[in-house]
Structures are given as structure tokens and as C-alpha cells.
């Protein structure tokens, strides 16, 4: 891409995909990891409480007290992606909020992050990278999380994110496998981020409602879920609402019934689907969940929005969260992981 005074620099044009839509498709990822899910041989005074087997948002290890009882837990995660918006400061904020979300989705509190930065130094000025890092610092400061440095490389595409460490109460974790029949499902952010981001990438239109949603921390939602007694949750990111709900239902050995009319969407999301701004990641998500989903009479546009690859989406909580819409419930396991009504 040749830049001139008449051609403003657009970061999204330097990445072949945007945000969490660039995740390796869930089906391909599970095939790749098959047989690799095992615990390393470590001393068992720090047992692994949550690992890869349940498809959770972060790993959790217990910290023992001197008497051997669990004194606390450490939550660890990493998340990074290419530019999802053209503004470098906003991209930094979105990427940081997205990385911190994995800790909140486990019921934890982020305390330390390190930056992960890949930058095409011969193509893009470091002044833009500085703005990306500034955005990440500002979001981390809002979260009360230290940023202790990081790692950077020269690479073909700009990429940014964070590795985050948090603390949690081992007796009050939010896990994928703790859902039980009879619990309602609450969703704390509207869907449609993927299609709006894709429209932005193609047309340059800016969607302030999408940016505001992506940079909003899931801290308050996680605290509200814990206060309400919830023990099961996940965040909705690259695998879409349906993909993350399927993983939760599978891990908990239940079926999730979704009231499609109750699911909230961002303004402009349905129009973006209608006009064809659907990422390949969203279509792969839908293909992956199709065999385990009873779609009923749900129309094609709604199916795509429910599978839309979100970036820094909300929490999906098994329980009622004040202020968040209830979008379904968990029921005893049936022939499908997810049923749409």
C-alpha cells in the first residue's frame, strides 16, 4: 500500500484479518491439540485448578499457604491480534481490554501484564506503535493492573496484545464446567462487534458504539456475577456467542437453550450482515457449531450474528447478572449442545 498525502494511513489494511476473527478456527484448533492436553510433571504443592481440558479462558494454579491449604490462586493468560480499528490508540485499548477480559472471565483480578508487540519497522513508523502501547497502558491503569515491560519483534504484520497474570479466590472461580441445569444465561455486552469491525476495515466507516463496547472492561460484570453467586462463565470473543456457549455447555454436560429474541445487538449490526460484511472467521464458527446446534426456525442473518467473531466481547454467565439481559437457560443434556428458540 503506497501512502500519499491524499491516502491516510489505515492500520487495518496491514493485517490480513481483524481482531479475534484471526483466531485459528475452533475445530482445527481442537484437532491440532488432540492428545497434547496433559499436565507437565511438576511439584504438586501448586496444583493446576483449571487447564486446557475444559476450554476455559485462562489457566489457574493454586497457591498453598504454609499449612498446605489453598491460600489463593494465580490466573494466567495471553491474547494478541492485528489491528481491529485504524486508530492506533483505540487498537491498543481494545487489545488490552480483550486480554484482561480472560482474567475477569475466570473471576480473577488482573495485577500484572507484559506487552506483546510485533511491528513491521520498515513499513510503519514507531510513533504509531507508541500510540498502541499508550492505549494499552491507559486500559491497564483503569484496571489497576501494572504493566511491567514486555517483548517486541520485527514482523511482517502489526500485532499487539498482553500476557496477563491475575489473582483469584480458588473457591470462587468462574469456570466453563460449573454450569448446572436450571441456571439462567446472562450476556453482558451486545453482539455484532465482528461485522461492524469488518465493515470498518472494508469501508473506513468508524463505529463509535463498537469501540466503546470493546474498550469497556469486564471488571464490573465479573464482580456482579461473583456477588450474585455465579460459578460458571466465559467471555464471548473469537469463537462467537454460539462457539463459546457450546464449549461451556459441553464442559458442564448440559444443553443451553437460547431465546434469540432476547439477545442484544449493536446498532448497525444487522445492516452489516445484510450488506455482506461477514468475516471468514464468523462463517467458520457457524460451520463448527452447526452439528451440535438445533437452529429451529432461526433466520440466516441471526445465525451469523450469533456466530459473529467478537473482539473484547462481554461475559456469558450462568446466572442472573444485574443490568444484563437473560438470554436463555441451561437444561439437562440433550442431543444438542445449543438449542435456539
Foldseek 3Di string as FASTA:
>chain_A
DDDDPVRDDFQLVLDPAAFLLPDDQPVVVCVVCVPVPDDDDDDPLWPWPDDPPLVALWTKIFHADPVSHTPWIKTKDKDKDGHLGRQLLLSLLLQLLLGQQSQLQFLWQWAEKEKEWEAQPVPDPCVSVVSSVVSNVVLCVVSNYYYDYYDYYHDSGIMIHIIIMTIGHSVQTAALQPFDFPFFKWFDFAFQLQLVSLCCSVPVDDDVVSSVQSSDHQNVQSVLCSVQPFRHKHFAAALFQLRSLLSSLVSNQWAWEFALVQGHHDPPRLVSVVVPSADPSLVSSLVVQVVQEAEDPDDPSSSSRRRGGHRNGYMITRHDGPPTTGTTTIRHHDSHNYYYD
